Amino acid sequence: MALPNEQVLVQRASKGDLQAFEALVKAYETKLYNVALRMVSDSEDAMDIVQEVFLKAYQALPNFRGDSKFSTWIYRICMNASLDHLRRRKKSQVYSLDAPIEFPDSEAQRQVEDTAESTEEIVEARFLGEKLLEILSDLEPHYRAVLILCDVQGYSYQEIAEILDMSLGTVKSRIHRARNILRKLMDAEQIFPSYVKQDARRDDR
């Protein structure tokens, strides 16, 4: 969900307002980390990717003209960075979620929300999350990308097409194939996460 004053924050950040950019970092960092983690299946690499995404966004914001939503734009940067990482398969420096994000002349503090959950809920969620990550890692990156954006992040087909810069037909086809593959893998592992949807092949999304 976009911030109520996100457009204003983006405009201010594009003019060099670090406080505005910090607000955008706070709003999107955990979301982008979760996407990157599901793409690369490694927490340290996901942290590296998030760092890279915000550095690229900070540098590119002055040229951001608002042709697409900010969320679409920054998720596209995150997906491209994740796909590039999968192609490289190369480790880089590890960044802590508690460490500040460094820029050429300043830094922004990371503020990852701490949710209050019971120990049992945390353990169960972690187990299912780890198992799903293992299964997702068996998918080809292009299938993994559309599935994460659609079934985990809840984006529409049209939004996914914009994020990944591909046709709507390609998105629908890849989601259909990815769900079929994932379902077979989940059946084999006998796990059924509620957030992985059945493929209804809807054309109205």
N, C-alpha and C. Protein backbone atom coordinates (compact mmCIF):
# COMPACT_ATOMS: atom_id res chain seq x y z
N MET A 1 0.84 -1.19 0.00
CA MET A 1 0.00 0.00 0.00
C MET A 1 0.88 1.24 0.00
N ALA A 2 0.54 2.20 -0.84
CA ALA A 2 1.33 3.41 -0.95
C ALA A 2 1.11 4.31 0.26
N LEU A 3 2.12 5.12 0.58
CA LEU A 3 1.99 6.10 1.65
C LEU A 3 0.97 7.14 1.24
N PRO A 4 0.22 7.72 2.22
CA PRO A 4 -0.77 8.74 1.87
C PRO A 4 -0.16 9.92 1.13
N ASN A 5 1.05 10.30 1.52
CA ASN A 5 1.73 11.44 0.89
C ASN A 5 2.95 11.00 0.09
N GLU A 6 2.86 9.79 -0.47
CA GLU A 6 4.02 9.23 -1.15
C GLU A 6 4.49 10.08 -2.33
N GLN A 7 3.56 10.59 -3.11
CA GLN A 7 3.94 11.39 -4.26
C GLN A 7 4.74 12.63 -3.84
N VAL A 8 4.31 13.24 -2.74
CA VAL A 8 5.03 14.41 -2.23
C VAL A 8 6.42 14.01 -1.76
N LEU A 9 6.51 12.88 -1.06
CA LEU A 9 7.81 12.40 -0.58
C LEU A 9 8.75 12.11 -1.75
N VAL A 10 8.21 11.50 -2.80
CA VAL A 10 9.02 11.19 -3.97
C VAL A 10 9.54 12.47 -4.62
N GLN A 11 8.67 13.46 -4.73
CA GLN A 11 9.09 14.73 -5.32
C GLN A 11 10.17 15.40 -4.49
N ARG A 12 9.99 15.38 -3.17
CA ARG A 12 11.00 15.98 -2.29
C ARG A 12 12.31 15.20 -2.34
N ALA A 13 12.21 13.87 -2.32
CA ALA A 13 13.42 13.03 -2.35
C ALA A 13 14.17 13.22 -3.66
N SER A 14 13.44 13.41 -4.75
CA SER A 14 14.09 13.60 -6.05
C SER A 14 14.88 14.90 -6.11
N LYS A 15 14.57 15.81 -5.19
CA LYS A 15 15.28 17.09 -5.13
C LYS A 15 16.38 17.08 -4.06
N GLY A 16 16.63 15.90 -3.51
CA GLY A 16 17.73 15.77 -2.56
C GLY A 16 17.33 15.82 -1.10
N ASP A 17 16.05 15.76 -0.78
CA ASP A 17 15.57 15.79 0.60
C ASP A 17 15.78 14.41 1.22
N LEU A 18 16.80 14.28 2.09
CA LEU A 18 17.14 12.98 2.66
C LEU A 18 16.06 12.48 3.61
N GLN A 19 15.43 13.39 4.37
CA GLN A 19 14.37 12.96 5.27
C GLN A 19 13.21 12.32 4.51
N ALA A 20 12.87 12.88 3.36
CA ALA A 20 11.82 12.30 2.53
C ALA A 20 12.24 10.93 2.04
N PHE A 21 13.51 10.80 1.65
CA PHE A 21 13.98 9.50 1.17
C PHE A 21 14.00 8.49 2.31
N GLU A 22 14.34 8.92 3.52
CA GLU A 22 14.32 8.02 4.68
C GLU A 22 12.91 7.47 4.91
N ALA A 23 11.90 8.31 4.71
CA ALA A 23 10.52 7.87 4.87
C ALA A 23 10.17 6.80 3.84
N LEU A 24 10.67 6.95 2.62
CA LEU A 24 10.43 5.95 1.58
C LEU A 24 11.18 4.65 1.91
N VAL A 25 12.38 4.79 2.44
CA VAL A 25 13.15 3.61 2.85
C VAL A 25 12.38 2.84 3.92
N LYS A 26 11.89 3.56 4.92
CA LYS A 26 11.15 2.92 6.01
C LYS A 26 9.92 2.19 5.49
N ALA A 27 9.25 2.79 4.51
CA ALA A 27 8.01 2.21 3.98
C ALA A 27 8.26 0.96 3.14
N TYR A 28 9.39 0.91 2.44
CA TYR A 28 9.58 -0.15 1.45
C TYR A 28 10.68 -1.16 1.79
N GLU A 29 11.51 -0.88 2.77
CA GLU A 29 12.67 -1.74 2.97
C GLU A 29 12.30 -3.19 3.29
N THR A 30 11.40 -3.39 4.24
CA THR A 30 11.03 -4.75 4.62
C THR A 30 10.35 -5.48 3.46
N LYS A 31 9.50 -4.77 2.73
CA LYS A 31 8.80 -5.37 1.58
C LYS A 31 9.81 -5.82 0.52
N LEU A 32 10.77 -4.95 0.22
CA LEU A 32 11.77 -5.29 -0.79
C LEU A 32 12.67 -6.43 -0.31
N TYR A 33 12.99 -6.41 0.97
CA TYR A 33 13.80 -7.50 1.52
C TYR A 33 13.09 -8.84 1.37
N ASN A 34 11.79 -8.87 1.67
CA ASN A 34 11.03 -10.11 1.55
C ASN A 34 10.99 -10.61 0.10
N VAL A 35 10.86 -9.68 -0.85
CA VAL A 35 10.88 -10.07 -2.26
C VAL A 35 12.24 -10.62 -2.64
N ALA A 36 13.29 -9.90 -2.27
CA ALA A 36 14.65 -10.34 -2.60
C ALA A 36 14.97 -11.69 -1.96
N LEU A 37 14.53 -11.87 -0.71
CA LEU A 37 14.80 -13.13 -0.01
C LEU A 37 14.15 -14.30 -0.73
N ARG A 38 12.91 -14.11 -1.17
CA ARG A 38 12.23 -15.20 -1.88
C ARG A 38 12.85 -15.45 -3.25
N MET A 39 13.46 -14.42 -3.82
CA MET A 39 14.10 -14.60 -5.12
C MET A 39 15.43 -15.32 -5.00
N VAL A 40 16.27 -14.94 -4.01
CA VAL A 40 17.64 -15.47 -3.96
C VAL A 40 17.85 -16.52 -2.87
N SER A 41 16.86 -16.67 -1.96
CA SER A 41 16.89 -17.71 -0.92
C SER A 41 18.10 -17.62 0.00
N ASP A 42 18.57 -16.41 0.24
CA ASP A 42 19.70 -16.21 1.14
C ASP A 42 19.54 -14.84 1.80
N SER A 43 19.50 -14.81 3.13
CA SER A 43 19.21 -13.56 3.84
C SER A 43 20.29 -12.51 3.64
N GLU A 44 21.55 -12.94 3.65
CA GLU A 44 22.64 -11.98 3.48
C GLU A 44 22.64 -11.38 2.08
N ASP A 45 22.41 -12.23 1.08
CA ASP A 45 22.34 -11.74 -0.29
C ASP A 45 21.14 -10.82 -0.48
N ALA A 46 20.02 -11.15 0.18
CA ALA A 46 18.84 -10.29 0.10
C ALA A 46 19.12 -8.92 0.69
N MET A 47 19.87 -8.87 1.79
CA MET A 47 20.25 -7.59 2.39
C MET A 47 21.11 -6.78 1.41
N ASP A 48 22.04 -7.47 0.76
CA ASP A 48 22.89 -6.80 -0.23
C ASP A 48 22.05 -6.20 -1.35
N ILE A 49 21.07 -6.97 -1.79
CA ILE A 49 20.21 -6.51 -2.89
C ILE A 49 19.41 -5.28 -2.48
N VAL A 50 18.86 -5.29 -1.26
CA VAL A 50 18.11 -4.13 -0.78
C VAL A 50 18.99 -2.90 -0.73
N GLN A 51 20.21 -3.07 -0.24
CA GLN A 51 21.16 -1.97 -0.22
C GLN A 51 21.38 -1.43 -1.63
N GLU A 52 21.58 -2.35 -2.57
CA GLU A 52 21.81 -1.95 -3.96
C GLU A 52 20.59 -1.23 -4.54
N VAL A 53 19.40 -1.72 -4.22
CA VAL A 53 18.17 -1.12 -4.73
C VAL A 53 18.04 0.32 -4.27
N PHE A 54 18.26 0.57 -2.98
CA PHE A 54 18.09 1.93 -2.48
C PHE A 54 19.20 2.87 -2.98
N LEU A 55 20.39 2.34 -3.17
CA LEU A 55 21.45 3.17 -3.74
C LEU A 55 21.10 3.57 -5.17
N LYS A 56 20.61 2.60 -5.95
CA LYS A 56 20.23 2.89 -7.33
C LYS A 56 19.05 3.85 -7.38
N ALA A 57 18.08 3.64 -6.48
CA ALA A 57 16.92 4.52 -6.44
C ALA A 57 17.32 5.93 -6.06
N TYR A 58 18.19 6.06 -5.08
CA TYR A 58 18.65 7.38 -4.63
C TYR A 58 19.34 8.13 -5.77
N GLN A 59 20.14 7.40 -6.54
CA GLN A 59 20.86 8.02 -7.65
C GLN A 59 19.94 8.35 -8.83
N ALA A 60 18.90 7.52 -9.02
CA ALA A 60 18.04 7.69 -10.19
C ALA A 60 16.83 8.58 -9.94
N LEU A 61 16.51 8.86 -8.69
CA LEU A 61 15.31 9.63 -8.37
C LEU A 61 15.24 10.99 -9.07
N PRO A 62 16.35 11.72 -9.21
CA PRO A 62 16.24 13.01 -9.90
C PRO A 62 15.69 12.89 -11.32
N ASN A 63 15.81 11.71 -11.93
CA ASN A 63 15.31 11.50 -13.29
C ASN A 63 13.96 10.78 -13.31
N PHE A 64 13.41 10.50 -12.13
CA PHE A 64 12.12 9.82 -12.05
C PHE A 64 11.01 10.82 -12.40
N ARG A 65 10.27 10.53 -13.45
CA ARG A 65 9.26 11.47 -13.95
C ARG A 65 7.83 11.07 -13.58
N GLY A 66 7.68 9.95 -12.89
CA GLY A 66 6.34 9.55 -12.47
C GLY A 66 5.51 8.92 -13.57
N ASP A 67 6.15 8.40 -14.63
CA ASP A 67 5.39 7.71 -15.69
C ASP A 67 4.72 6.46 -15.16
N SER A 68 5.31 5.87 -14.11
CA SER A 68 4.70 4.74 -13.42
C SER A 68 4.66 5.08 -11.94
N LYS A 69 3.94 4.27 -11.14
CA LYS A 69 3.91 4.51 -9.71
C LYS A 69 5.30 4.27 -9.12
N PHE A 70 5.61 4.96 -8.03
CA PHE A 70 6.90 4.77 -7.38
C PHE A 70 7.09 3.31 -6.96
N SER A 71 6.02 2.69 -6.44
CA SER A 71 6.12 1.30 -6.01
C SER A 71 6.48 0.38 -7.18
N THR A 72 5.86 0.62 -8.34
CA THR A 72 6.18 -0.17 -9.53
C THR A 72 7.63 0.02 -9.91
N TRP A 73 8.07 1.25 -9.87
CA TRP A 73 9.44 1.60 -10.25
C TRP A 73 10.47 0.94 -9.35
N ILE A 74 10.25 1.00 -8.03
CA ILE A 74 11.26 0.48 -7.11
C ILE A 74 11.22 -1.05 -7.05
N TYR A 75 10.04 -1.65 -7.26
CA TYR A 75 9.98 -3.11 -7.33
C TYR A 75 10.67 -3.61 -8.60
N ARG A 76 10.58 -2.83 -9.67
CA ARG A 76 11.29 -3.20 -10.90
C ARG A 76 12.80 -3.21 -10.65
N ILE A 77 13.30 -2.20 -9.93
CA ILE A 77 14.73 -2.15 -9.59
C ILE A 77 15.10 -3.37 -8.75
N CYS A 78 14.24 -3.72 -7.79
CA CYS A 78 14.51 -4.85 -6.92
C CYS A 78 14.53 -6.17 -7.69
N MET A 79 13.56 -6.35 -8.57
CA MET A 79 13.51 -7.58 -9.35
C MET A 79 14.70 -7.69 -10.29
N ASN A 80 15.06 -6.59 -10.93
CA ASN A 80 16.22 -6.62 -11.82
C ASN A 80 17.50 -6.94 -11.05
N ALA A 81 17.63 -6.34 -9.85
CA ALA A 81 18.82 -6.60 -9.03
C ALA A 81 18.85 -8.06 -8.59
N SER A 82 17.69 -8.61 -8.25
CA SER A 82 17.62 -10.01 -7.82
C SER A 82 17.95 -10.95 -8.97
N LEU A 83 17.40 -10.66 -10.15
CA LEU A 83 17.69 -11.50 -11.31
C LEU A 83 19.16 -11.39 -11.71
N ASP A 84 19.72 -10.19 -11.62
CA ASP A 84 21.14 -10.02 -11.90
C ASP A 84 21.98 -10.83 -10.92
N HIS A 85 21.57 -10.82 -9.66
CA HIS A 85 22.31 -11.59 -8.65
C HIS A 85 22.26 -13.08 -8.96
N LEU A 86 21.09 -13.56 -9.34
CA LEU A 86 20.96 -14.98 -9.66
C LEU A 86 21.83 -15.35 -10.86
N ARG A 87 21.98 -14.40 -11.78
CA ARG A 87 22.85 -14.67 -12.94
C ARG A 87 24.32 -14.67 -12.52
N ARG A 88 24.65 -13.79 -11.64
CA ARG A 88 26.06 -13.70 -11.22
C ARG A 88 26.43 -14.80 -10.24
N ARG A 89 25.51 -15.08 -9.32
CA ARG A 89 25.79 -16.04 -8.26
C ARG A 89 27.09 -15.70 -7.55
N LYS A 90 27.24 -14.45 -7.24
CA LYS A 90 28.48 -14.02 -6.61
C LYS A 90 28.17 -13.30 -5.30
N LYS A 91 28.83 -13.70 -4.24
CA LYS A 91 28.63 -13.08 -2.94
C LYS A 91 29.26 -11.69 -2.92
N SER A 92 28.61 -10.78 -2.21
CA SER A 92 29.18 -9.45 -2.01
C SER A 92 29.14 -9.12 -0.53
N GLN A 93 29.52 -7.94 -0.16
CA GLN A 93 29.61 -7.56 1.23
C GLN A 93 28.26 -7.68 1.92
N VAL A 94 28.28 -8.17 3.17
CA VAL A 94 27.06 -8.37 3.93
C VAL A 94 26.69 -7.08 4.64
N TYR A 95 25.41 -6.71 4.58
CA TYR A 95 24.91 -5.51 5.25
C TYR A 95 23.89 -5.93 6.30
N SER A 96 23.93 -5.29 7.45
CA SER A 96 22.98 -5.55 8.51
C SER A 96 21.74 -4.69 8.34
N LEU A 97 20.58 -5.25 8.67
CA LEU A 97 19.35 -4.46 8.61
C LEU A 97 19.35 -3.36 9.67
N ASP A 98 20.25 -3.47 10.67
CA ASP A 98 20.34 -2.44 11.69
C ASP A 98 21.34 -1.35 11.32
N ALA A 99 22.15 -1.60 10.30
CA ALA A 99 23.16 -0.62 9.91
C ALA A 99 22.54 0.44 9.01
N PRO A 100 23.10 1.66 9.03
CA PRO A 100 22.55 2.72 8.18
C PRO A 100 22.85 2.47 6.72
N ILE A 101 21.98 2.96 5.86
CA ILE A 101 22.21 2.91 4.42
C ILE A 101 23.08 4.11 4.06
N GLU A 102 24.23 3.89 3.48
CA GLU A 102 25.18 4.95 3.21
C GLU A 102 24.99 5.53 1.82
N PHE A 103 25.08 6.86 1.74
CA PHE A 103 25.02 7.59 0.49
C PHE A 103 26.29 8.43 0.36
N PRO A 104 26.55 9.01 -0.79
CA PRO A 104 27.79 9.76 -0.99
C PRO A 104 28.05 10.82 0.07
N ASP A 105 26.98 11.51 0.56
CA ASP A 105 27.20 12.61 1.49
C ASP A 105 26.38 12.48 2.77
N SER A 106 25.75 11.32 3.00
CA SER A 106 24.90 11.17 4.18
C SER A 106 24.52 9.71 4.34
N GLU A 107 23.64 9.46 5.32
CA GLU A 107 23.17 8.10 5.53
C GLU A 107 21.76 8.13 6.06
N ALA A 108 21.01 7.03 5.85
CA ALA A 108 19.64 6.91 6.34
C ALA A 108 19.56 5.71 7.26
N GLN A 109 18.96 5.88 8.41
CA GLN A 109 18.85 4.80 9.36
C GLN A 109 17.79 3.79 8.93
N ARG A 110 18.11 2.52 9.10
CA ARG A 110 17.16 1.47 8.79
C ARG A 110 16.18 1.32 9.96
N GLN A 111 14.92 1.13 9.64
CA GLN A 111 13.92 0.96 10.69
C GLN A 111 12.98 -0.16 10.28
N VAL A 112 13.40 -1.39 10.52
CA VAL A 112 12.58 -2.55 10.16
C VAL A 112 11.62 -2.83 11.30
N GLU A 113 10.34 -2.90 10.96
CA GLU A 113 9.30 -3.05 11.98
C GLU A 113 9.43 -4.37 12.70
N ASP A 114 9.27 -4.33 14.02
CA ASP A 114 9.33 -5.51 14.86
C ASP A 114 7.90 -5.92 15.20
N THR A 115 7.42 -7.03 14.65
CA THR A 115 6.05 -7.45 14.91
C THR A 115 6.01 -8.34 16.15
N ALA A 116 4.95 -8.18 16.94
CA ALA A 116 4.82 -8.94 18.18
C ALA A 116 4.08 -10.24 17.88
N GLU A 117 4.81 -11.34 17.84
CA GLU A 117 4.21 -12.64 17.58
C GLU A 117 4.63 -13.60 18.68
N SER A 118 3.82 -14.62 18.91
CA SER A 118 4.18 -15.63 19.89
C SER A 118 5.31 -16.48 19.34
N THR A 119 6.02 -17.14 20.25
CA THR A 119 7.12 -18.02 19.84
C THR A 119 6.62 -19.12 18.92
N GLU A 120 5.46 -19.68 19.24
CA GLU A 120 4.89 -20.77 18.41
C GLU A 120 4.60 -20.27 17.01
N GLU A 121 4.02 -19.08 16.88
CA GLU A 121 3.70 -18.52 15.56
C GLU A 121 4.98 -18.28 14.77
N ILE A 122 5.99 -17.77 15.45
CA ILE A 122 7.25 -17.48 14.78
C ILE A 122 7.89 -18.76 14.26
N VAL A 123 7.91 -19.80 15.10
CA VAL A 123 8.53 -21.07 14.71
C VAL A 123 7.78 -21.68 13.53
N GLU A 124 6.44 -21.69 13.60
CA GLU A 124 5.65 -22.28 12.52
C GLU A 124 5.83 -21.50 11.22
N ALA A 125 5.77 -20.18 11.32
CA ALA A 125 5.93 -19.34 10.13
C ALA A 125 7.32 -19.52 9.53
N ARG A 126 8.32 -19.62 10.41
CA ARG A 126 9.69 -19.79 9.92
C ARG A 126 9.85 -21.13 9.20
N PHE A 127 9.25 -22.18 9.76
CA PHE A 127 9.34 -23.50 9.13
C PHE A 127 8.70 -23.48 7.74
N LEU A 128 7.47 -22.97 7.67
CA LEU A 128 6.79 -22.92 6.39
C LEU A 128 7.53 -22.01 5.42
N GLY A 129 8.05 -20.90 5.94
CA GLY A 129 8.78 -19.98 5.08
C GLY A 129 10.03 -20.61 4.52
N GLU A 130 10.76 -21.35 5.36
CA GLU A 130 11.98 -21.99 4.90
C GLU A 130 11.68 -23.08 3.87
N LYS A 131 10.62 -23.84 4.11
CA LYS A 131 10.26 -24.88 3.16
C LYS A 131 9.83 -24.28 1.83
N LEU A 132 9.05 -23.19 1.89
CA LEU A 132 8.62 -22.56 0.65
C LEU A 132 9.80 -21.97 -0.10
N LEU A 133 10.74 -21.38 0.65
CA LEU A 133 11.93 -20.83 0.00
C LEU A 133 12.71 -21.93 -0.72
N GLU A 134 12.79 -23.09 -0.08
CA GLU A 134 13.49 -24.21 -0.72
C GLU A 134 12.80 -24.60 -2.02
N ILE A 135 11.48 -24.63 -2.00
CA ILE A 135 10.73 -25.02 -3.19
C ILE A 135 10.83 -23.94 -4.26
N LEU A 136 10.69 -22.67 -3.85
CA LEU A 136 10.80 -21.57 -4.81
C LEU A 136 12.16 -21.56 -5.48
N SER A 137 13.18 -21.94 -4.73
CA SER A 137 14.53 -21.92 -5.30
C SER A 137 14.70 -22.95 -6.40
N ASP A 138 13.77 -23.93 -6.47
CA ASP A 138 13.82 -24.93 -7.53
C ASP A 138 13.19 -24.43 -8.83
N LEU A 139 12.46 -23.32 -8.75
CA LEU A 139 11.84 -22.76 -9.95
C LEU A 139 12.85 -21.93 -10.73
N GLU A 140 12.65 -21.87 -12.03
CA GLU A 140 13.47 -20.97 -12.85
C GLU A 140 13.21 -19.53 -12.40
N PRO A 141 14.24 -18.65 -12.43
CA PRO A 141 14.08 -17.28 -11.93
C PRO A 141 12.89 -16.53 -12.51
N HIS A 142 12.60 -16.69 -13.81
CA HIS A 142 11.51 -15.93 -14.41
C HIS A 142 10.15 -16.43 -13.91
N TYR A 143 10.06 -17.71 -13.56
CA TYR A 143 8.83 -18.22 -12.96
C TYR A 143 8.73 -17.77 -11.50
N ARG A 144 9.85 -17.81 -10.81
CA ARG A 144 9.88 -17.38 -9.41
C ARG A 144 9.44 -15.92 -9.29
N ALA A 145 9.88 -15.09 -10.20
CA ALA A 145 9.59 -13.65 -10.13
C ALA A 145 8.09 -13.38 -10.23
N VAL A 146 7.43 -13.97 -11.24
CA VAL A 146 6.00 -13.68 -11.41
C VAL A 146 5.17 -14.27 -10.27
N LEU A 147 5.59 -15.41 -9.75
CA LEU A 147 4.84 -16.05 -8.68
C LEU A 147 4.94 -15.24 -7.39
N ILE A 148 6.11 -14.74 -7.09
CA ILE A 148 6.29 -13.93 -5.88
C ILE A 148 5.48 -12.64 -5.97
N LEU A 149 5.55 -11.99 -7.12
CA LEU A 149 4.82 -10.73 -7.28
C LEU A 149 3.31 -10.94 -7.22
N CYS A 150 2.83 -12.03 -7.79
CA CYS A 150 1.39 -12.27 -7.86
C CYS A 150 0.84 -12.88 -6.58
N ASP A 151 1.35 -14.03 -6.18
CA ASP A 151 0.75 -14.79 -5.10
C ASP A 151 1.24 -14.43 -3.71
N VAL A 152 2.42 -13.83 -3.62
CA VAL A 152 2.94 -13.42 -2.32
C VAL A 152 2.72 -11.93 -2.08
N GLN A 153 3.06 -11.11 -3.09
CA GLN A 153 2.94 -9.67 -2.94
C GLN A 153 1.56 -9.13 -3.33
N GLY A 154 0.79 -9.91 -4.08
CA GLY A 154 -0.57 -9.52 -4.39
C GLY A 154 -0.74 -8.54 -5.53
N TYR A 155 0.24 -8.43 -6.40
CA TYR A 155 0.12 -7.52 -7.54
C TYR A 155 -0.78 -8.11 -8.62
N SER A 156 -1.45 -7.25 -9.35
CA SER A 156 -2.29 -7.69 -10.46
C SER A 156 -1.41 -8.07 -11.64
N TYR A 157 -1.99 -8.75 -12.62
CA TYR A 157 -1.23 -9.13 -13.81
C TYR A 157 -0.68 -7.88 -14.52
N GLN A 158 -1.51 -6.84 -14.60
CA GLN A 158 -1.08 -5.62 -15.28
C GLN A 158 0.10 -4.97 -14.55
N GLU A 159 0.04 -4.94 -13.23
CA GLU A 159 1.13 -4.35 -12.44
C GLU A 159 2.42 -5.16 -12.60
N ILE A 160 2.28 -6.48 -12.64
CA ILE A 160 3.45 -7.34 -12.83
C ILE A 160 4.06 -7.10 -14.20
N ALA A 161 3.21 -6.94 -15.20
CA ALA A 161 3.71 -6.65 -16.55
C ALA A 161 4.51 -5.36 -16.56
N GLU A 162 4.07 -4.36 -15.80
CA GLU A 162 4.79 -3.09 -15.74
C GLU A 162 6.09 -3.23 -14.97
N ILE A 163 6.05 -3.97 -13.86
CA ILE A 163 7.25 -4.15 -13.04
C ILE A 163 8.33 -4.90 -13.81
N LEU A 164 7.94 -5.96 -14.50
CA LEU A 164 8.91 -6.81 -15.20
C LEU A 164 9.10 -6.40 -16.65
N ASP A 165 8.37 -5.39 -17.09
CA ASP A 165 8.50 -4.87 -18.46
C ASP A 165 8.29 -5.97 -19.49
N MET A 166 7.14 -6.64 -19.38
CA MET A 166 6.80 -7.68 -20.34
C MET A 166 5.31 -7.60 -20.66
N SER A 167 4.89 -8.33 -21.68
CA SER A 167 3.49 -8.26 -22.10
C SER A 167 2.58 -8.93 -21.08
N LEU A 168 1.31 -8.52 -21.09
CA LEU A 168 0.32 -9.10 -20.19
C LEU A 168 0.15 -10.59 -20.47
N GLY A 169 0.16 -10.96 -21.74
CA GLY A 169 0.02 -12.37 -22.11
C GLY A 169 1.15 -13.22 -21.56
N THR A 170 2.36 -12.69 -21.61
CA THR A 170 3.52 -13.43 -21.09
C THR A 170 3.40 -13.62 -19.59
N VAL A 171 2.94 -12.58 -18.90
CA VAL A 171 2.76 -12.67 -17.45
C VAL A 171 1.76 -13.77 -17.11
N LYS A 172 0.60 -13.77 -17.76
CA LYS A 172 -0.43 -14.77 -17.49
C LYS A 172 0.08 -16.19 -17.75
N SER A 173 0.79 -16.34 -18.86
CA SER A 173 1.31 -17.66 -19.21
C SER A 173 2.33 -18.15 -18.19
N ARG A 174 3.22 -17.26 -17.76
CA ARG A 174 4.26 -17.65 -16.80
C ARG A 174 3.66 -17.97 -15.43
N ILE A 175 2.66 -17.19 -15.01
CA ILE A 175 2.03 -17.46 -13.72
C ILE A 175 1.33 -18.83 -13.75
N HIS A 176 0.64 -19.10 -14.83
CA HIS A 176 -0.05 -20.39 -14.97
C HIS A 176 0.95 -21.55 -14.89
N ARG A 177 2.03 -21.44 -15.63
CA ARG A 177 3.03 -22.51 -15.63
C ARG A 177 3.72 -22.62 -14.28
N ALA A 178 4.04 -21.47 -13.68
CA ALA A 178 4.74 -21.46 -12.39
C ALA A 178 3.89 -22.09 -11.30
N ARG A 179 2.59 -21.79 -11.29
CA ARG A 179 1.70 -22.37 -10.29
C ARG A 179 1.60 -23.88 -10.45
N ASN A 180 1.53 -24.35 -11.65
CA ASN A 180 1.46 -25.80 -11.88
C ASN A 180 2.72 -26.50 -11.39
N ILE A 181 3.86 -25.89 -11.69
CA ILE A 181 5.13 -26.47 -11.25
C ILE A 181 5.22 -26.44 -9.72
N LEU A 182 4.88 -25.29 -9.13
CA LEU A 182 4.98 -25.15 -7.68
C LEU A 182 4.04 -26.10 -6.97
N ARG A 183 2.84 -26.27 -7.50
CA ARG A 183 1.87 -27.15 -6.86
C ARG A 183 2.38 -28.59 -6.83
N LYS A 184 3.00 -29.02 -7.91
CA LYS A 184 3.56 -30.38 -7.95
C LYS A 184 4.69 -30.53 -6.92
N LEU A 185 5.52 -29.50 -6.81
CA LEU A 185 6.61 -29.54 -5.84
C LEU A 185 6.08 -29.55 -4.42
N MET A 186 5.04 -28.75 -4.16
CA MET A 186 4.45 -28.70 -2.82
C MET A 186 3.77 -30.02 -2.46
N ASP A 187 3.10 -30.62 -3.44
CA ASP A 187 2.47 -31.91 -3.20
C ASP A 187 3.51 -32.95 -2.80
N ALA A 188 4.66 -32.87 -3.46
CA ALA A 188 5.73 -33.82 -3.15
C ALA A 188 6.26 -33.62 -1.73
N GLU A 189 6.26 -32.36 -1.28
CA GLU A 189 6.76 -32.04 0.06
C GLU A 189 5.64 -32.08 1.11
N GLN A 190 4.40 -32.20 0.65
CA GLN A 190 3.23 -32.25 1.53
C GLN A 190 3.11 -31.01 2.40
N ILE A 191 3.30 -29.84 1.79
CA ILE A 191 3.05 -28.58 2.48
C ILE A 191 2.12 -27.74 1.62
N PHE A 192 1.25 -27.00 2.29
CA PHE A 192 0.22 -26.25 1.57
C PHE A 192 0.06 -24.85 2.16
N PRO A 193 1.03 -23.94 1.93
CA PRO A 193 0.90 -22.58 2.44
C PRO A 193 -0.35 -21.91 1.90
N SER A 194 -1.08 -21.23 2.77
CA SER A 194 -2.35 -20.63 2.37
C SER A 194 -2.16 -19.49 1.39
N TYR A 195 -0.93 -18.89 1.36
CA TYR A 195 -0.74 -17.73 0.51
C TYR A 195 -0.34 -18.09 -0.92
N VAL A 196 -0.24 -19.39 -1.25
CA VAL A 196 -0.01 -19.79 -2.64
C VAL A 196 -1.35 -20.13 -3.24
N LYS A 197 -1.78 -19.37 -4.22
CA LYS A 197 -3.14 -19.45 -4.73
C LYS A 197 -3.30 -20.55 -5.78
N GLN A 198 -4.55 -20.95 -5.95
CA GLN A 198 -4.89 -21.81 -7.07
C GLN A 198 -4.96 -20.94 -8.32
N ASP A 199 -4.65 -21.53 -9.44
CA ASP A 199 -4.63 -20.78 -10.70
C ASP A 199 -6.00 -20.83 -11.35
N ALA A 200 -6.71 -19.70 -11.28
CA ALA A 200 -8.04 -19.63 -11.87
C ALA A 200 -7.99 -19.10 -13.30
N ARG A 201 -6.80 -18.76 -13.77
CA ARG A 201 -6.61 -18.23 -15.13
C ARG A 201 -7.52 -17.04 -15.39
N ARG A 202 -7.64 -16.13 -14.41
CA ARG A 202 -8.53 -14.98 -14.57
C ARG A 202 -7.91 -13.98 -15.53
N ASP A 203 -8.73 -13.47 -16.44
CA ASP A 203 -8.25 -12.49 -17.42
C ASP A 203 -8.64 -11.06 -17.04
N ASP A 204 -9.33 -10.90 -15.89
CA ASP A 204 -9.82 -9.58 -15.53
C ASP A 204 -8.95 -8.90 -14.48
N ARG A 205 -7.77 -9.47 -14.18
CA ARG A 205 -6.91 -8.88 -13.17
C ARG A 205 -6.08 -7.75 -13.75
